[in-house]
Amino acid sequence: MNGSFFARIAEEIHHWTQSSWSLAEVEQHYDDLATHYDAVNEATHAHFRRFTDTLHLAHLPDEARALEIFSRTGEGMVFFYQQGKVASATCVDVSREMGEICRRRLREAGLEDARWIQMIDYSLPLEDHEFDVVFFLETIEHVSRPACLVTELARVTKPGGTMILSTPNVLWEPVHALAAITGLHHSEGPHRFIRYRRLVRMVEKAGFRIEHSETDVLIPAGPGWLIRFGECLEDHLSDSLMPWIGLRRMLICRKR
């Protein structure tokens, strides 16, 4: 074990225990990840499931005016566009480095009605009731004022519009930290996983109604046979253990 190993331990302890952090700190974390973010996540089956599970669970309208918060490299928005679910795309992120990749990916996919906006505070430069669909995937845990951001997303979502929110189960926090320490996966960076009841209260107070809640992903990575075994177990445990032991919580929310 070398110095970098102990440095990663110290970094993960810091992330785990900090009570507040700035959007600039999150930006720096994702700027540093930008060049290898996609390559790392290609080896993690659970990563892309946030998009495929959203498509399966949310019954998204076709040709929607869509917003994605923390769009990262744009793979999610491009996926939904290719499925016919996006006509107009607004991608918001803190990382300018990832923004460059995102804009290039959107152009290459042929999504012409698209814009990228850097998030520098919790007041988004967007109109009231502007979006049919808001993708809010694996993001709420990375902002230190989550209630403020959820309230802002309620402002820009049309009445009757949909917000899809996903976030890790707090019980998986040690697994994420261990993966970062051992180099199996990138660090979560500044974050705080949110307990389910607090998450529900936050979403409902902002003006959303939760239409469906599900906890999925049991085996996040590994050989194909292991992934298939994990998905089989998910089906059998969906009404019993999965809400407790699954990796990712997903909320399908409707703006009141």
C-alpha atoms as a PDB file:
ATOM      1  CA  MET A   1       0.000   0.000   0.000  1.00  0.00           C
ATOM      2  CA  ASN A   2       1.409   3.366  -0.983  1.00  0.00           C
ATOM      3  CA  GLY A   3       0.779   6.994  -0.172  1.00  0.00           C
ATOM      4  CA  SER A   4      -1.904   7.373  -2.817  1.00  0.00           C
ATOM      5  CA  PHE A   5      -3.908   4.603  -1.160  1.00  0.00           C
ATOM      6  CA  PHE A   6      -3.913   6.428   2.167  1.00  0.00           C
ATOM      7  CA  ALA A   7      -4.650   9.697   0.388  1.00  0.00           C
ATOM      8  CA  ARG A   8      -7.762   8.080  -1.119  1.00  0.00           C
ATOM      9  CA  ILE A   9      -8.834   6.906   2.333  1.00  0.00           C
ATOM     10  CA  ALA A  10      -8.468  10.442   3.697  1.00  0.00           C
ATOM     11  CA  GLU A  11     -10.360  11.860   0.717  1.00  0.00           C
ATOM     12  CA  GLU A  12     -13.290   9.480   1.137  1.00  0.00           C
ATOM     13  CA  ILE A  13     -13.485  10.156   4.874  1.00  0.00           C
ATOM     14  CA  HIS A  14     -13.592  13.869   4.081  1.00  0.00           C
ATOM     15  CA  HIS A  15     -16.399  13.387   1.562  1.00  0.00           C
ATOM     16  CA  TRP A  16     -18.304  11.201   3.991  1.00  0.00           C
ATOM     17  CA  THR A  17     -18.128  13.609   6.924  1.00  0.00           C
ATOM     18  CA  GLN A  18     -18.361  17.091   5.378  1.00  0.00           C
ATOM     19  CA  SER A  19     -21.583  18.916   6.158  1.00  0.00           C
ATOM     20  CA  SER A  20     -21.416  21.479   3.359  1.00  0.00           C
ATOM     21  CA  TRP A  21     -19.534  22.158   0.144  1.00  0.00           C
ATOM     22  CA  SER A  22     -19.687  24.524  -2.788  1.00  0.00           C
ATOM     23  CA  LEU A  23     -20.756  23.932  -6.367  1.00  0.00           C
ATOM     24  CA  ALA A  24     -17.235  25.007  -7.339  1.00  0.00           C
ATOM     25  CA  GLU A  25     -15.857  21.991  -5.439  1.00  0.00           C
ATOM     26  CA  VAL A  26     -18.235  19.701  -7.319  1.00  0.00           C
ATOM     27  CA  GLU A  27     -17.167  21.341 -10.571  1.00  0.00           C
ATOM     28  CA  GLN A  28     -13.515  20.644  -9.836  1.00  0.00           C
ATOM     29  CA  HIS A  29     -14.269  16.999  -9.048  1.00  0.00           C
ATOM     30  CA  TYR A  30     -16.100  16.441 -12.339  1.00  0.00           C
ATOM     31  CA  ASP A  31     -13.613  18.471 -14.367  1.00  0.00           C
ATOM     32  CA  ASP A  32     -10.934  16.083 -13.108  1.00  0.00           C
ATOM     33  CA  LEU A  33     -13.078  13.077 -14.102  1.00  0.00           C
ATOM     34  CA  ALA A  34     -14.098  14.355 -17.528  1.00  0.00           C
ATOM     35  CA  THR A  35     -11.506  12.655 -19.729  1.00  0.00           C
ATOM     36  CA  HIS A  36     -12.061   9.160 -18.330  1.00  0.00           C
ATOM     37  CA  TYR A  37     -15.617   9.322 -16.943  1.00  0.00           C
ATOM     38  CA  ASP A  38     -17.214   7.395 -19.808  1.00  0.00           C
ATOM     39  CA  ALA A  39     -14.474   4.768 -19.955  1.00  0.00           C
ATOM     40  CA  VAL A  40     -14.751   4.017 -16.238  1.00  0.00           C
ATOM     41  CA  ASN A  41     -18.534   3.772 -16.345  1.00  0.00           C
ATOM     42  CA  GLU A  42     -18.593   1.477 -19.373  1.00  0.00           C
ATOM     43  CA  ALA A  43     -17.368  -1.273 -17.050  1.00  0.00           C
ATOM     44  CA  THR A  44     -20.187  -0.641 -14.571  1.00  0.00           C
ATOM     45  CA  HIS A  45     -23.477  -2.185 -15.641  1.00  0.00           C
ATOM     46  CA  ALA A  46     -25.428  -0.181 -13.063  1.00  0.00           C
ATOM     47  CA  HIS A  47     -24.337   3.126 -14.558  1.00  0.00           C
ATOM     48  CA  PHE A  48     -26.357   2.943 -17.782  1.00  0.00           C
ATOM     49  CA  ARG A  49     -29.304   1.324 -16.028  1.00  0.00           C
ATOM     50  CA  ARG A  50     -30.267   4.741 -14.674  1.00  0.00           C
ATOM     51  CA  PHE A  51     -31.307   5.548 -18.251  1.00  0.00           C
ATOM     52  CA  THR A  52     -32.853   2.238 -19.292  1.00  0.00           C
ATOM     53  CA  ASP A  53     -34.763   1.925 -16.016  1.00  0.00           C
ATOM     54  CA  THR A  54     -36.048   5.483 -16.431  1.00  0.00           C
ATOM     55  CA  LEU A  55     -37.339   4.595 -19.894  1.00  0.00           C
ATOM     56  CA  HIS A  56     -39.003   1.469 -18.517  1.00  0.00           C
ATOM     57  CA  LEU A  57     -40.574   3.002 -15.410  1.00  0.00           C
ATOM     58  CA  ALA A  58     -41.510   6.571 -16.297  1.00  0.00           C
ATOM     59  CA  HIS A  59     -43.742   6.231 -19.401  1.00  0.00           C
ATOM     60  CA  LEU A  60     -42.128   9.327 -20.879  1.00  0.00           C
ATOM     61  CA  PRO A  61     -44.017  11.370 -23.476  1.00  0.00           C
ATOM     62  CA  ASP A  62     -42.666  11.446 -27.013  1.00  0.00           C
ATOM     63  CA  GLU A  63     -40.867  14.510 -28.372  1.00  0.00           C
ATOM     64  CA  ALA A  64     -40.689  16.215 -24.982  1.00  0.00           C
ATOM     65  CA  ARG A  65     -39.087  19.475 -23.991  1.00  0.00           C
ATOM     66  CA  ALA A  66     -36.515  17.971 -21.628  1.00  0.00           C
ATOM     67  CA  LEU A  67     -34.126  19.208 -18.963  1.00  0.00           C
ATOM     68  CA  GLU A  68     -31.278  17.169 -17.493  1.00  0.00           C
ATOM     69  CA  ILE A  69     -29.553  18.333 -14.316  1.00  0.00           C
ATOM     70  CA  PHE A  70     -25.891  17.288 -14.145  1.00  0.00           C
ATOM     71  CA  SER A  71     -26.001  16.021 -17.694  1.00  0.00           C
ATOM     72  CA  ARG A  72     -22.300  15.132 -17.453  1.00  0.00           C
ATOM     73  CA  THR A  73     -21.076  13.873 -20.851  1.00  0.00           C
ATOM     74  CA  GLY A  74     -24.552  13.889 -22.417  1.00  0.00           C
ATOM     75  CA  GLU A  75     -25.002  10.143 -22.811  1.00  0.00           C
ATOM     76  CA  GLY A  76     -28.355  10.161 -21.037  1.00  0.00           C
ATOM     77  CA  MET A  77     -29.911  12.932 -23.094  1.00  0.00           C
ATOM     78  CA  VAL A  78     -28.657  11.350 -26.317  1.00  0.00           C
ATOM     79  CA  PHE A  79     -30.112   7.997 -25.270  1.00  0.00           C
ATOM     80  CA  PHE A  80     -33.554   9.489 -24.625  1.00  0.00           C
ATOM     81  CA  TYR A  81     -33.367  11.448 -27.882  1.00  0.00           C
ATOM     82  CA  GLN A  82     -32.582   8.263 -29.802  1.00  0.00           C
ATOM     83  CA  GLN A  83     -35.620   6.635 -28.174  1.00  0.00           C
ATOM     84  CA  GLY A  84     -37.828   9.422 -29.532  1.00  0.00           C
ATOM     85  CA  LYS A  85     -38.449  10.985 -26.129  1.00  0.00           C
ATOM     86  CA  VAL A  86     -36.691  14.323 -26.606  1.00  0.00           C
ATOM     87  CA  ALA A  87     -37.397  17.071 -29.139  1.00  0.00           C
ATOM     88  CA  SER A  88     -35.735  19.935 -27.278  1.00  0.00           C
ATOM     89  CA  ALA A  89     -32.871  19.412 -24.828  1.00  0.00           C
ATOM     90  CA  THR A  90     -31.485  21.627 -22.092  1.00  0.00           C
ATOM     91  CA  CYS A  91     -28.432  20.200 -20.349  1.00  0.00           C
ATOM     92  CA  VAL A  92     -27.279  21.770 -17.085  1.00  0.00           C
ATOM     93  CA  ASP A  93     -24.046  20.891 -15.313  1.00  0.00           C
ATOM     94  CA  VAL A  94     -21.388  22.367 -13.058  1.00  0.00           C
ATOM     95  CA  SER A  95     -18.441  21.012 -15.064  1.00  0.00           C
ATOM     96  CA  ARG A  96     -17.294  22.983 -18.087  1.00  0.00           C
ATOM     97  CA  GLU A  97     -14.985  20.120 -19.096  1.00  0.00           C
ATOM     98  CA  MET A  98     -17.897  17.685 -19.205  1.00  0.00           C
ATOM     99  CA  GLY A  99     -19.959  20.369 -20.908  1.00  0.00           C
ATOM    100  CA  GLU A 100     -17.584  20.367 -23.868  1.00  0.00           C
ATOM    101  CA  ILE A 101     -17.989  16.611 -24.226  1.00  0.00           C
ATOM    102  CA  CYS A 102     -21.759  16.868 -23.809  1.00  0.00           C
ATOM    103  CA  ARG A 103     -22.177  19.513 -26.510  1.00  0.00           C
ATOM    104  CA  ARG A 104     -20.053  17.543 -28.941  1.00  0.00           C
ATOM    105  CA  ARG A 105     -22.046  14.381 -28.264  1.00  0.00           C
ATOM    106  CA  LEU A 106     -25.360  16.159 -28.795  1.00  0.00           C
ATOM    107  CA  ARG A 107     -24.139  17.567 -32.129  1.00  0.00           C
ATOM    108  CA  GLU A 108     -22.871  14.201 -33.295  1.00  0.00           C
ATOM    109  CA  ALA A 109     -26.220  12.616 -32.407  1.00  0.00           C
ATOM    110  CA  GLY A 110     -28.037  15.168 -34.556  1.00  0.00           C
ATOM    111  CA  LEU A 111     -29.939  16.786 -31.681  1.00  0.00           C
ATOM    112  CA  GLU A 112     -30.151  20.290 -33.099  1.00  0.00           C
ATOM    113  CA  ASP A 113     -32.518  21.915 -30.601  1.00  0.00           C
ATOM    114  CA  ALA A 114     -30.128  21.690 -27.666  1.00  0.00           C
ATOM    115  CA  ARG A 115     -28.339  24.002 -25.265  1.00  0.00           C
ATOM    116  CA  TRP A 116     -25.865  23.588 -22.427  1.00  0.00           C
ATOM    117  CA  ILE A 117     -25.908  25.808 -19.315  1.00  0.00           C
ATOM    118  CA  GLN A 118     -23.404  25.891 -16.483  1.00  0.00           C
ATOM    119  CA  MET A 119     -24.943  25.702 -13.023  1.00  0.00           C
ATOM    120  CA  ILE A 120     -23.200  28.230 -10.793  1.00  0.00           C
ATOM    121  CA  ASP A 121     -25.877  28.614  -8.096  1.00  0.00           C
ATOM    122  CA  TYR A 122     -29.307  27.304  -7.153  1.00  0.00           C
ATOM    123  CA  SER A 123     -31.262  29.787  -9.291  1.00  0.00           C
ATOM    124  CA  LEU A 124     -31.401  28.345 -12.796  1.00  0.00           C
ATOM    125  CA  PRO A 125     -31.685  30.770 -15.750  1.00  0.00           C
ATOM    126  CA  LEU A 126     -34.810  28.997 -16.990  1.00  0.00           C
ATOM    127  CA  GLU A 127     -38.449  30.001 -17.435  1.00  0.00           C
ATOM    128  CA  ASP A 128     -41.281  28.928 -15.150  1.00  0.00           C
ATOM    129  CA  HIS A 129     -43.100  25.777 -16.305  1.00  0.00           C
ATOM    130  CA  GLU A 130     -40.708  25.336 -19.218  1.00  0.00           C
ATOM    131  CA  PHE A 131     -40.205  21.549 -19.297  1.00  0.00           C
ATOM    132  CA  ASP A 132     -42.325  18.475 -19.874  1.00  0.00           C
ATOM    133  CA  VAL A 133     -39.674  16.172 -18.414  1.00  0.00           C
ATOM    134  CA  VAL A 134     -36.817  16.699 -15.948  1.00  0.00           C
ATOM    135  CA  PHE A 135     -34.094  14.057 -15.639  1.00  0.00           C
ATOM    136  CA  PHE A 136     -32.564  14.336 -12.161  1.00  0.00           C
ATOM    137  CA  LEU A 137     -30.411  11.209 -12.088  1.00  0.00           C
ATOM    138  CA  GLU A 138     -27.675  10.478  -9.517  1.00  0.00           C
ATOM    139  CA  THR A 139     -27.364  14.193  -8.790  1.00  0.00           C
ATOM    140  CA  ILE A 140     -29.283  15.286  -5.712  1.00  0.00           C
ATOM    141  CA  GLU A 141     -26.625  13.741  -3.456  1.00  0.00           C
ATOM    142  CA  HIS A 142     -23.944  15.998  -4.976  1.00  0.00           C
ATOM    143  CA  VAL A 143     -25.453  19.325  -3.929  1.00  0.00           C
ATOM    144  CA  SER A 144     -25.303  20.524  -0.339  1.00  0.00           C
ATOM    145  CA  ARG A 145     -28.662  22.321  -0.637  1.00  0.00           C
ATOM    146  CA  PRO A 146     -30.842  19.596  -2.167  1.00  0.00           C
ATOM    147  CA  ALA A 147     -34.188  21.063  -1.074  1.00  0.00           C
ATOM    148  CA  CYS A 148     -33.357  24.324  -2.854  1.00  0.00           C
ATOM    149  CA  LEU A 149     -32.594  22.511  -6.085  1.00  0.00           C
ATOM    150  CA  VAL A 150     -35.738  20.347  -5.924  1.00  0.00           C
ATOM    151  CA  THR A 151     -37.840  23.477  -5.370  1.00  0.00           C
ATOM    152  CA  GLU A 152     -36.169  25.135  -8.358  1.00  0.00           C
ATOM    153  CA  LEU A 153     -36.886  22.084 -10.515  1.00  0.00           C
ATOM    154  CA  ALA A 154     -40.535  22.234  -9.475  1.00  0.00           C
ATOM    155  CA  ARG A 155     -40.605  25.844 -10.664  1.00  0.00           C
ATOM    156  CA  VAL A 156     -39.403  24.978 -14.175  1.00  0.00           C
ATOM    157  CA  THR A 157     -41.530  21.823 -14.593  1.00  0.00           C
ATOM    158  CA  LYS A 158     -44.929  22.183 -16.245  1.00  0.00           C
ATOM    159  CA  PRO A 159     -48.010  21.248 -14.207  1.00  0.00           C
ATOM    160  CA  GLY A 160     -48.540  17.600 -15.003  1.00  0.00           C
ATOM    161  CA  GLY A 161     -44.917  17.276 -16.093  1.00  0.00           C
ATOM    162  CA  THR A 162     -42.613  14.490 -14.951  1.00  0.00           C
ATOM    163  CA  MET A 163     -39.439  14.517 -12.881  1.00  0.00           C
ATOM    164  CA  ILE A 164     -37.418  11.318 -12.646  1.00  0.00           C
ATOM    165  CA  LEU A 165     -35.156  11.328  -9.616  1.00  0.00           C
ATOM    166  CA  SER A 166     -32.613   8.635  -8.846  1.00  0.00           C
ATOM    167  CA  THR A 167     -30.060   8.497  -6.062  1.00  0.00           C
ATOM    168  CA  PRO A 168     -28.009   5.834  -4.244  1.00  0.00           C
ATOM    169  CA  ASN A 169     -29.396   4.040  -1.220  1.00  0.00           C
ATOM    170  CA  VAL A 170     -27.581   5.306   1.904  1.00  0.00           C
ATOM    171  CA  LEU A 171     -26.738   1.709   2.851  1.00  0.00           C
ATOM    172  CA  TRP A 172     -24.400   1.569  -0.160  1.00  0.00           C
ATOM    173  CA  GLU A 173     -22.250   4.463   1.012  1.00  0.00           C
ATOM    174  CA  PRO A 174     -19.482   2.177   2.368  1.00  0.00           C
ATOM    175  CA  VAL A 175     -19.440   0.230  -0.908  1.00  0.00           C
ATOM    176  CA  HIS A 176     -18.992   3.407  -2.950  1.00  0.00           C
ATOM    177  CA  ALA A 177     -16.204   4.586  -0.656  1.00  0.00           C
ATOM    178  CA  LEU A 178     -14.434   1.212  -0.771  1.00  0.00           C
ATOM    179  CA  ALA A 179     -14.650   1.108  -4.571  1.00  0.00           C
ATOM    180  CA  ALA A 180     -13.001   4.535  -4.755  1.00  0.00           C
ATOM    181  CA  ILE A 181     -10.307   3.650  -2.220  1.00  0.00           C
ATOM    182  CA  THR A 182      -9.356   0.441  -4.001  1.00  0.00           C
ATOM    183  CA  GLY A 183      -9.473   2.051  -7.445  1.00  0.00           C
ATOM    184  CA  LEU A 184     -12.374  -0.084  -8.688  1.00  0.00           C
ATOM    185  CA  HIS A 185     -14.419   2.994  -9.502  1.00  0.00           C
ATOM    186  CA  HIS A 186     -14.154   6.756  -9.415  1.00  0.00           C
ATOM    187  CA  SER A 187     -14.874   8.664  -6.221  1.00  0.00           C
ATOM    188  CA  GLU A 188     -18.301  10.167  -5.670  1.00  0.00           C
ATOM    189  CA  GLY A 189     -16.581  13.424  -4.786  1.00  0.00           C
ATOM    190  CA  PRO A 190     -18.469  15.946  -2.629  1.00  0.00           C
ATOM    191  CA  HIS A 191     -21.764  14.309  -1.731  1.00  0.00           C
ATOM    192  CA  ARG A 192     -24.206  13.243   0.948  1.00  0.00           C
ATOM    193  CA  PHE A 193     -26.535  10.306   0.320  1.00  0.00           C
ATOM    194  CA  ILE A 194     -30.076  11.170   1.442  1.00  0.00           C
ATOM    195  CA  ARG A 195     -32.340   8.970   3.519  1.00  0.00           C
ATOM    196  CA  TYR A 196     -35.501   7.888   1.731  1.00  0.00           C
ATOM    197  CA  ARG A 197     -38.036   9.512   4.056  1.00  0.00           C
ATOM    198  CA  ARG A 198     -36.255  12.848   3.871  1.00  0.00           C
ATOM    199  CA  LEU A 199     -36.141  12.550   0.096  1.00  0.00           C
ATOM    200  CA  VAL A 200     -39.883  11.920  -0.105  1.00  0.00           C
ATOM    201  CA  ARG A 201     -40.680  14.873   2.166  1.00  0.00           C
ATOM    202  CA  MET A 202     -38.428  17.131   0.102  1.00  0.00           C
ATOM    203  CA  VAL A 203     -40.032  16.156  -3.202  1.00  0.00           C
ATOM    204  CA  GLU A 204     -43.606  16.435  -1.946  1.00  0.00           C
ATOM    205  CA  LYS A 205     -43.011  19.778  -0.249  1.00  0.00           C
ATOM    206  CA  ALA A 206     -41.657  21.177  -3.534  1.00  0.00           C
ATOM    207  CA  GLY A 207     -44.942  20.396  -5.286  1.00  0.00           C
ATOM    208  CA  PHE A 208     -44.496  16.944  -6.781  1.00  0.00           C
ATOM    209  CA  ARG A 209     -46.610  13.842  -6.292  1.00  0.00           C
ATOM    210  CA  ILE A 210     -44.711  10.549  -6.252  1.00  0.00           C
ATOM    211  CA  GLU A 211     -46.418   8.205  -8.702  1.00  0.00           C
ATOM    212  CA  HIS A 212     -43.983   5.329  -8.388  1.00  0.00           C
ATOM    213  CA  SER A 213     -41.024   4.439  -6.205  1.00  0.00           C
ATOM    214  CA  GLU A 214     -38.641   1.581  -6.827  1.00  0.00           C
ATOM    215  CA  THR A 215     -35.260   0.415  -5.567  1.00  0.00           C
ATOM    216  CA  ASP A 216     -33.182  -1.499  -8.089  1.00  0.00           C
ATOM    217  CA  VAL A 217     -29.697  -2.813  -8.896  1.00  0.00           C
ATOM    218  CA  LEU A 218     -28.326  -5.622  -6.769  1.00  0.00           C
ATOM    219  CA  ILE A 219     -25.142  -6.457  -8.698  1.00  0.00           C
ATOM    220  CA  PRO A 220     -23.683  -3.222 -10.130  1.00  0.00           C
ATOM    221  CA  ALA A 221     -20.817  -4.752 -12.118  1.00  0.00           C
ATOM    222  CA  GLY A 222     -19.220  -8.043 -13.084  1.00  0.00           C
ATOM    223  CA  PRO A 223     -19.407 -10.752 -15.744  1.00  0.00           C
ATOM    224  CA  GLY A 224     -22.612 -11.191 -17.694  1.00  0.00           C
ATOM    225  CA  TRP A 225     -23.751 -14.287 -15.832  1.00  0.00           C
ATOM    226  CA  LEU A 226     -23.448 -12.494 -12.499  1.00  0.00           C
ATOM    227  CA  ILE A 227     -25.366  -9.467 -13.766  1.00  0.00           C
ATOM    228  CA  ARG A 228     -28.158 -11.722 -15.044  1.00  0.00           C
ATOM    229  CA  PHE A 229     -28.244 -13.579 -11.719  1.00  0.00           C
ATOM    230  CA  GLY A 230     -28.542 -10.260  -9.878  1.00  0.00           C
ATOM    231  CA  GLU A 231     -31.416  -9.113 -12.096  1.00  0.00           C
ATOM    232  CA  CYS A 232     -33.191 -12.417 -11.506  1.00  0.00           C
ATOM    233  CA  LEU A 233     -32.838 -11.908  -7.762  1.00  0.00           C
ATOM    234  CA  GLU A 234     -34.176  -8.367  -8.105  1.00  0.00           C
ATOM    235  CA  ASP A 235     -37.365  -9.731  -9.671  1.00  0.00           C
ATOM    236  CA  HIS A 236     -37.849 -12.231  -6.852  1.00  0.00           C
ATOM    237  CA  LEU A 237     -37.026  -9.774  -4.062  1.00  0.00           C
ATOM    238  CA  SER A 238     -38.724  -6.684  -5.479  1.00  0.00           C
ATOM    239  CA  ASP A 239     -41.467  -6.601  -2.845  1.00  0.00           C
ATOM    240  CA  SER A 240     -39.408  -7.764   0.101  1.00  0.00           C
ATOM    241  CA  LEU A 241     -35.684  -7.052   0.403  1.00  0.00           C
ATOM    242  CA  MET A 242     -34.941  -4.812  -2.583  1.00  0.00           C
ATOM    243  CA  PRO A 243     -36.295  -1.618  -0.958  1.00  0.00           C
ATOM    244  CA  TRP A 244     -33.721  -2.185   1.778  1.00  0.00           C
ATOM    245  CA  ILE A 245     -30.701  -3.610  -0.025  1.00  0.00           C
ATOM    246  CA  GLY A 246     -30.931  -2.289  -3.594  1.00  0.00           C
ATOM    247  CA  LEU A 247     -28.334   0.197  -4.768  1.00  0.00           C
ATOM    248  CA  ARG A 248     -30.475   2.837  -6.481  1.00  0.00           C
ATOM    249  CA  ARG A 249     -33.711   4.481  -5.441  1.00  0.00           C
ATOM    250  CA  MET A 250     -35.878   5.815  -8.259  1.00  0.00           C
ATOM    251  CA  LEU A 251     -38.823   8.178  -7.860  1.00  0.00           C
ATOM    252  CA  ILE A 252     -41.204   8.951 -10.706  1.00  0.00           C
ATOM    253  CA  CYS A 253     -42.724  12.302  -9.757  1.00  0.00           C
ATOM    254  CA  ARG A 254     -45.608  14.297 -11.240  1.00  0.00           C
ATOM    255  CA  LYS A 255     -45.806  18.069 -10.850  1.00  0.00           C
ATOM    256  CA  ARG A 256     -49.045  19.039  -9.165  1.00  0.00           C
END
